[in-house]
Amino acid sequence: MVWCLKKALYGIKQARLEWYHTLWSHIQLIGYAQSRYDPCLHACDPENFTVVYVDDLLLFAPKKQLTCAKVELARRYEMHNLGKACWFLAMEITCDQVAQMITIDQQQYMTGLNSDGCQFKTSKIGRSGC
């Protein structure tokens, strides 16, 4: 038996670019706009945005909008909901519901680098005339 393969992405040089263009087109189609400052950030409005890293997506939105965004993405892609994000790209993510604040921290990553003998130089950054 011979199978005809309609589309394949894995194993070809253009796979990453093809995936990026495919996902980017769909995200635009459902109302997100790519940030001018970070190509991994796509925003629909100030309370509804997604972060994309290769084939991992973090969705940030109020519950109703979050559900709609998941449905729209699931129509096109096979997805697995991994629940509330606690870690992403060596960053710890915490959410304070009372303060309505999301905190992203790389302390554990930096501590690990420091234990490997890396030295860090810190400096205070400030602006005058603000």
N, C-alpha and C. Protein backbone atom coordinates (compact mmCIF):
# COMPACT_ATOMS: atom_id res chain seq x y z
N MET A 1 0.84 -1.17 0.00
CA MET A 1 0.00 0.00 0.00
C MET A 1 0.90 1.24 0.00
N VAL A 2 0.55 2.23 -0.79
CA VAL A 2 1.29 3.48 -0.88
C VAL A 2 0.39 4.61 -0.39
N TRP A 3 0.95 5.45 0.46
CA TRP A 3 0.19 6.59 0.98
C TRP A 3 0.72 7.86 0.34
N CYS A 4 -0.17 8.72 -0.06
CA CYS A 4 0.20 10.02 -0.62
C CYS A 4 0.19 11.04 0.51
N LEU A 5 1.31 11.66 0.74
CA LEU A 5 1.44 12.65 1.79
C LEU A 5 1.09 14.02 1.22
N LYS A 6 0.05 14.64 1.75
CA LYS A 6 -0.39 15.93 1.24
C LYS A 6 0.51 17.07 1.69
N LYS A 7 0.85 17.10 2.98
CA LYS A 7 1.69 18.16 3.50
C LYS A 7 2.58 17.59 4.59
N ALA A 8 3.82 18.02 4.60
CA ALA A 8 4.73 17.62 5.68
C ALA A 8 5.58 18.82 6.06
N LEU A 9 5.77 19.02 7.34
CA LEU A 9 6.61 20.12 7.79
C LEU A 9 7.90 19.61 8.41
N TYR A 10 7.83 18.53 9.17
CA TYR A 10 9.00 18.05 9.87
C TYR A 10 10.01 17.47 8.89
N GLY A 11 11.27 17.80 9.10
CA GLY A 11 12.32 17.22 8.28
C GLY A 11 12.74 18.07 7.10
N ILE A 12 12.03 19.14 6.79
CA ILE A 12 12.46 19.99 5.68
C ILE A 12 13.05 21.28 6.24
N LYS A 13 13.93 21.89 5.48
CA LYS A 13 14.62 23.10 5.95
C LYS A 13 13.65 24.24 6.25
N GLN A 14 12.60 24.33 5.47
CA GLN A 14 11.66 25.43 5.60
C GLN A 14 10.60 25.18 6.67
N ALA A 15 10.69 24.09 7.41
CA ALA A 15 9.64 23.72 8.36
C ALA A 15 9.33 24.83 9.35
N ARG A 16 10.35 25.40 9.96
CA ARG A 16 10.11 26.45 10.97
C ARG A 16 9.43 27.66 10.35
N LEU A 17 9.90 28.07 9.19
CA LEU A 17 9.32 29.24 8.53
C LEU A 17 7.89 28.96 8.09
N GLU A 18 7.63 27.78 7.56
CA GLU A 18 6.27 27.42 7.15
C GLU A 18 5.33 27.41 8.35
N TRP A 19 5.77 26.82 9.46
CA TRP A 19 4.94 26.79 10.66
C TRP A 19 4.67 28.20 11.14
N TYR A 20 5.70 29.04 11.17
CA TYR A 20 5.55 30.42 11.62
C TYR A 20 4.52 31.15 10.76
N HIS A 21 4.65 31.04 9.45
CA HIS A 21 3.72 31.74 8.55
C HIS A 21 2.30 31.20 8.70
N THR A 22 2.16 29.91 8.86
CA THR A 22 0.84 29.30 9.03
C THR A 22 0.17 29.80 10.30
N LEU A 23 0.89 29.73 11.41
CA LEU A 23 0.35 30.17 12.69
C LEU A 23 0.10 31.67 12.68
N TRP A 24 1.04 32.45 12.17
CA TRP A 24 0.93 33.91 12.14
C TRP A 24 -0.31 34.33 11.34
N SER A 25 -0.53 33.68 10.20
CA SER A 25 -1.71 34.01 9.37
C SER A 25 -3.00 33.73 10.12
N HIS A 26 -3.05 32.59 10.80
CA HIS A 26 -4.28 32.24 11.53
C HIS A 26 -4.51 33.17 12.71
N ILE A 27 -3.45 33.50 13.42
CA ILE A 27 -3.58 34.41 14.58
C ILE A 27 -4.08 35.78 14.11
N GLN A 28 -3.58 36.24 12.98
CA GLN A 28 -4.07 37.51 12.43
C GLN A 28 -5.53 37.41 12.03
N LEU A 29 -5.90 36.29 11.43
CA LEU A 29 -7.27 36.07 10.97
C LEU A 29 -8.27 36.13 12.12
N ILE A 30 -7.89 35.66 13.30
CA ILE A 30 -8.83 35.67 14.43
C ILE A 30 -8.74 36.94 15.27
N GLY A 31 -8.00 37.95 14.77
CA GLY A 31 -8.06 39.27 15.39
C GLY A 31 -6.87 39.72 16.20
N TYR A 32 -5.79 38.97 16.22
CA TYR A 32 -4.60 39.38 16.96
C TYR A 32 -3.66 40.15 16.05
N ALA A 33 -2.93 41.08 16.62
CA ALA A 33 -1.93 41.85 15.87
C ALA A 33 -0.57 41.61 16.52
N GLN A 34 0.45 41.46 15.68
CA GLN A 34 1.80 41.21 16.19
C GLN A 34 2.39 42.50 16.76
N SER A 35 3.06 42.37 17.89
CA SER A 35 3.71 43.51 18.53
C SER A 35 4.86 44.02 17.67
N ARG A 36 5.03 45.31 17.65
CA ARG A 36 6.18 45.89 16.95
C ARG A 36 7.47 45.68 17.73
N TYR A 37 7.36 45.40 19.02
CA TYR A 37 8.52 45.29 19.89
C TYR A 37 9.00 43.87 20.10
N ASP A 38 8.09 42.91 20.03
CA ASP A 38 8.44 41.51 20.23
C ASP A 38 7.61 40.65 19.29
N PRO A 39 8.25 39.99 18.31
CA PRO A 39 7.50 39.22 17.33
C PRO A 39 6.78 38.00 17.91
N CYS A 40 7.10 37.63 19.15
CA CYS A 40 6.43 36.49 19.80
C CYS A 40 5.14 36.90 20.49
N LEU A 41 4.90 38.18 20.61
CA LEU A 41 3.72 38.69 21.31
C LEU A 41 2.67 39.14 20.30
N HIS A 42 1.44 38.64 20.48
CA HIS A 42 0.32 39.00 19.62
C HIS A 42 -0.82 39.46 20.53
N ALA A 43 -1.35 40.64 20.27
CA ALA A 43 -2.40 41.19 21.13
C ALA A 43 -3.69 41.43 20.35
N CYS A 44 -4.79 41.14 21.02
CA CYS A 44 -6.11 41.43 20.47
C CYS A 44 -6.59 42.75 21.08
N ASP A 45 -6.34 42.90 22.37
CA ASP A 45 -6.60 44.14 23.11
C ASP A 45 -5.72 44.08 24.36
N PRO A 46 -5.73 45.13 25.18
CA PRO A 46 -4.82 45.13 26.34
C PRO A 46 -5.03 43.98 27.33
N GLU A 47 -6.19 43.36 27.32
CA GLU A 47 -6.46 42.26 28.25
C GLU A 47 -6.43 40.89 27.58
N ASN A 48 -6.21 40.84 26.30
CA ASN A 48 -6.28 39.59 25.55
C ASN A 48 -5.08 39.50 24.61
N PHE A 49 -4.10 38.67 25.01
CA PHE A 49 -2.91 38.53 24.17
C PHE A 49 -2.35 37.12 24.30
N THR A 50 -1.48 36.77 23.36
CA THR A 50 -0.85 35.46 23.38
C THR A 50 0.64 35.61 23.14
N VAL A 51 1.41 34.70 23.73
CA VAL A 51 2.85 34.64 23.54
C VAL A 51 3.12 33.32 22.83
N VAL A 52 3.89 33.38 21.75
CA VAL A 52 4.18 32.19 20.95
C VAL A 52 5.68 31.91 21.00
N TYR A 53 6.03 30.67 21.31
CA TYR A 53 7.41 30.22 21.22
C TYR A 53 7.40 28.88 20.50
N VAL A 54 7.81 28.86 19.27
CA VAL A 54 7.82 27.73 18.37
C VAL A 54 6.41 27.15 18.27
N ASP A 55 6.09 26.09 19.01
CA ASP A 55 4.74 25.54 18.95
C ASP A 55 4.06 25.55 20.32
N ASP A 56 4.56 26.39 21.21
CA ASP A 56 3.94 26.58 22.52
C ASP A 56 3.29 27.95 22.56
N LEU A 57 2.07 28.01 23.04
CA LEU A 57 1.35 29.27 23.14
C LEU A 57 0.89 29.48 24.57
N LEU A 58 1.05 30.69 25.05
CA LEU A 58 0.46 31.10 26.32
C LEU A 58 -0.63 32.10 25.99
N LEU A 59 -1.82 31.85 26.47
CA LEU A 59 -2.95 32.75 26.24
C LEU A 59 -3.26 33.50 27.52
N PHE A 60 -3.39 34.81 27.43
CA PHE A 60 -3.74 35.66 28.56
C PHE A 60 -4.99 36.43 28.19
N ALA A 61 -6.07 36.22 28.97
CA ALA A 61 -7.33 36.91 28.68
C ALA A 61 -8.30 36.65 29.83
N PRO A 62 -9.33 37.50 29.94
CA PRO A 62 -10.41 37.17 30.87
C PRO A 62 -11.05 35.85 30.44
N LYS A 63 -11.69 35.15 31.37
CA LYS A 63 -12.19 33.78 31.11
C LYS A 63 -13.01 33.65 29.84
N LYS A 64 -13.96 34.55 29.62
CA LYS A 64 -14.83 34.45 28.45
C LYS A 64 -14.02 34.57 27.15
N GLN A 65 -13.14 35.55 27.11
CA GLN A 65 -12.30 35.73 25.92
C GLN A 65 -11.31 34.59 25.76
N LEU A 66 -10.82 34.06 26.88
CA LEU A 66 -9.89 32.94 26.84
C LEU A 66 -10.54 31.72 26.20
N THR A 67 -11.77 31.45 26.59
CA THR A 67 -12.51 30.33 26.02
C THR A 67 -12.69 30.50 24.52
N CYS A 68 -13.05 31.70 24.10
CA CYS A 68 -13.24 31.97 22.66
C CYS A 68 -11.93 31.79 21.89
N ALA A 69 -10.83 32.28 22.45
CA ALA A 69 -9.52 32.16 21.79
C ALA A 69 -9.12 30.70 21.66
N LYS A 70 -9.35 29.91 22.70
CA LYS A 70 -9.03 28.47 22.64
C LYS A 70 -9.84 27.78 21.57
N VAL A 71 -11.13 28.10 21.50
CA VAL A 71 -12.01 27.48 20.49
C VAL A 71 -11.53 27.84 19.09
N GLU A 72 -11.20 29.09 18.86
CA GLU A 72 -10.74 29.53 17.54
C GLU A 72 -9.45 28.83 17.14
N LEU A 73 -8.52 28.69 18.07
CA LEU A 73 -7.26 28.01 17.75
C LEU A 73 -7.47 26.51 17.56
N ALA A 74 -8.35 25.92 18.37
CA ALA A 74 -8.60 24.47 18.28
C ALA A 74 -9.32 24.09 16.99
N ARG A 75 -9.99 25.04 16.37
CA ARG A 75 -10.64 24.74 15.09
C ARG A 75 -9.61 24.42 14.02
N ARG A 76 -8.45 25.00 14.15
CA ARG A 76 -7.42 24.84 13.12
C ARG A 76 -6.31 23.89 13.53
N TYR A 77 -5.99 23.85 14.81
CA TYR A 77 -4.84 23.07 15.28
C TYR A 77 -5.23 22.09 16.37
N GLU A 78 -4.54 20.97 16.40
CA GLU A 78 -4.71 20.04 17.50
C GLU A 78 -4.00 20.65 18.70
N MET A 79 -4.72 20.79 19.79
CA MET A 79 -4.16 21.47 20.95
C MET A 79 -4.37 20.64 22.21
N HIS A 80 -3.51 20.88 23.18
CA HIS A 80 -3.64 20.26 24.50
C HIS A 80 -3.58 21.38 25.53
N ASN A 81 -4.60 21.48 26.34
CA ASN A 81 -4.62 22.49 27.39
C ASN A 81 -3.81 21.95 28.57
N LEU A 82 -2.70 22.58 28.88
CA LEU A 82 -1.85 22.14 29.97
C LEU A 82 -2.17 22.85 31.27
N GLY A 83 -3.26 23.62 31.27
CA GLY A 83 -3.69 24.29 32.49
C GLY A 83 -2.96 25.60 32.73
N LYS A 84 -3.03 26.02 33.96
CA LYS A 84 -2.41 27.28 34.36
C LYS A 84 -0.89 27.18 34.24
N ALA A 85 -0.28 28.15 33.59
CA ALA A 85 1.18 28.14 33.39
C ALA A 85 1.90 28.53 34.68
N CYS A 86 2.85 27.70 35.07
CA CYS A 86 3.69 28.00 36.23
C CYS A 86 5.13 28.27 35.80
N TRP A 87 5.55 27.62 34.72
CA TRP A 87 6.90 27.79 34.18
C TRP A 87 6.82 27.90 32.66
N PHE A 88 7.63 28.78 32.09
CA PHE A 88 7.71 28.93 30.63
C PHE A 88 9.08 29.48 30.29
N LEU A 89 9.86 28.73 29.51
CA LEU A 89 11.20 29.15 29.09
C LEU A 89 12.07 29.57 30.28
N ALA A 90 12.14 28.76 31.30
CA ALA A 90 12.95 28.99 32.51
C ALA A 90 12.49 30.21 33.30
N MET A 91 11.25 30.62 33.11
CA MET A 91 10.69 31.73 33.88
C MET A 91 9.55 31.21 34.73
N GLU A 92 9.53 31.60 35.99
CA GLU A 92 8.44 31.22 36.87
C GLU A 92 7.33 32.26 36.72
N ILE A 93 6.11 31.78 36.56
CA ILE A 93 4.96 32.67 36.38
C ILE A 93 4.04 32.51 37.58
N THR A 94 3.77 33.62 38.25
CA THR A 94 2.83 33.59 39.37
C THR A 94 1.73 34.62 39.11
N CYS A 95 0.55 34.30 39.61
CA CYS A 95 -0.60 35.16 39.40
C CYS A 95 -1.22 35.50 40.75
N ASP A 96 -1.34 36.78 41.03
CA ASP A 96 -1.96 37.26 42.25
C ASP A 96 -3.34 37.80 41.88
N GLN A 97 -4.38 37.01 42.19
CA GLN A 97 -5.75 37.38 41.83
C GLN A 97 -6.21 38.65 42.55
N VAL A 98 -5.81 38.82 43.81
CA VAL A 98 -6.23 39.97 44.59
C VAL A 98 -5.65 41.26 44.00
N ALA A 99 -4.34 41.24 43.76
CA ALA A 99 -3.68 42.43 43.20
C ALA A 99 -3.86 42.54 41.69
N GLN A 100 -4.45 41.52 41.09
CA GLN A 100 -4.62 41.45 39.63
C GLN A 100 -3.29 41.69 38.92
N MET A 101 -2.29 40.88 39.31
CA MET A 101 -0.95 41.05 38.78
C MET A 101 -0.35 39.70 38.41
N ILE A 102 0.33 39.66 37.27
CA ILE A 102 1.09 38.49 36.85
C ILE A 102 2.56 38.84 37.01
N THR A 103 3.31 37.97 37.66
CA THR A 103 4.73 38.20 37.88
C THR A 103 5.53 37.13 37.15
N ILE A 104 6.57 37.55 36.45
CA ILE A 104 7.47 36.64 35.75
C ILE A 104 8.85 36.80 36.39
N ASP A 105 9.43 35.68 36.84
CA ASP A 105 10.66 35.71 37.63
C ASP A 105 11.66 34.70 37.08
N GLN A 106 12.91 35.11 36.93
CA GLN A 106 13.97 34.21 36.49
C GLN A 106 14.99 33.94 37.60
N GLN A 107 14.60 34.14 38.84
CA GLN A 107 15.52 33.99 39.96
C GLN A 107 16.15 32.60 40.01
N GLN A 108 15.36 31.55 39.86
CA GLN A 108 15.90 30.19 39.95
C GLN A 108 16.89 29.93 38.81
N TYR A 109 16.60 30.43 37.63
CA TYR A 109 17.51 30.28 36.49
C TYR A 109 18.82 31.00 36.76
N MET A 110 18.73 32.22 37.28
CA MET A 110 19.94 32.99 37.58
C MET A 110 20.75 32.35 38.70
N THR A 111 20.08 31.79 39.68
CA THR A 111 20.76 31.11 40.78
C THR A 111 21.52 29.90 40.23
N GLY A 112 20.92 29.17 39.32
CA GLY A 112 21.58 28.03 38.70
C GLY A 112 22.80 28.44 37.91
N LEU A 113 22.73 29.54 37.20
CA LEU A 113 23.89 30.04 36.46
C LEU A 113 25.00 30.46 37.42
N ASN A 114 24.60 31.11 38.50
CA ASN A 114 25.57 31.58 39.48
C ASN A 114 26.29 30.40 40.14
N SER A 115 25.58 29.30 40.39
CA SER A 115 26.20 28.12 41.01
C SER A 115 27.18 27.44 40.05
N ASP A 116 27.05 27.72 38.75
CA ASP A 116 27.98 27.17 37.76
C ASP A 116 29.23 28.01 37.63
N GLY A 117 29.35 29.05 38.44
CA GLY A 117 30.55 29.89 38.42
C GLY A 117 30.42 31.15 37.59
N CYS A 118 29.25 31.46 37.09
CA CYS A 118 29.05 32.68 36.32
C CYS A 118 29.00 33.87 37.28
N GLN A 119 29.61 34.94 36.88
CA GLN A 119 29.59 36.16 37.69
C GLN A 119 28.68 37.17 37.01
N PHE A 120 27.86 37.85 37.80
CA PHE A 120 26.94 38.83 37.26
C PHE A 120 27.30 40.20 37.79
N LYS A 121 27.26 41.16 36.91
CA LYS A 121 27.52 42.53 37.28
C LYS A 121 26.17 43.24 37.28
N THR A 122 25.81 43.85 38.38
CA THR A 122 24.55 44.55 38.43
C THR A 122 24.80 46.04 38.48
N SER A 123 23.90 46.78 37.94
CA SER A 123 24.01 48.23 37.98
C SER A 123 22.61 48.82 38.07
N LYS A 124 22.51 49.96 38.68
CA LYS A 124 21.23 50.64 38.80
C LYS A 124 21.01 51.44 37.51
N ILE A 125 19.85 51.27 36.96
CA ILE A 125 19.51 51.99 35.73
C ILE A 125 18.46 53.03 36.09
N GLY A 126 18.70 54.24 35.68
CA GLY A 126 17.74 55.29 35.96
C GLY A 126 17.69 56.30 34.84
N ARG A 127 16.64 57.09 34.85
CA ARG A 127 16.50 58.15 33.85
C ARG A 127 16.26 59.46 34.57
N SER A 128 16.91 60.45 34.12
CA SER A 128 16.67 61.77 34.72
C SER A 128 15.70 62.55 33.83
N GLY A 129 15.02 63.44 34.43
CA GLY A 129 14.11 64.29 33.68
C GLY A 129 12.77 63.64 33.36
N CYS A 130 12.39 62.62 34.11
CA CYS A 130 11.11 61.94 33.85
C CYS A 130 9.99 62.69 34.50
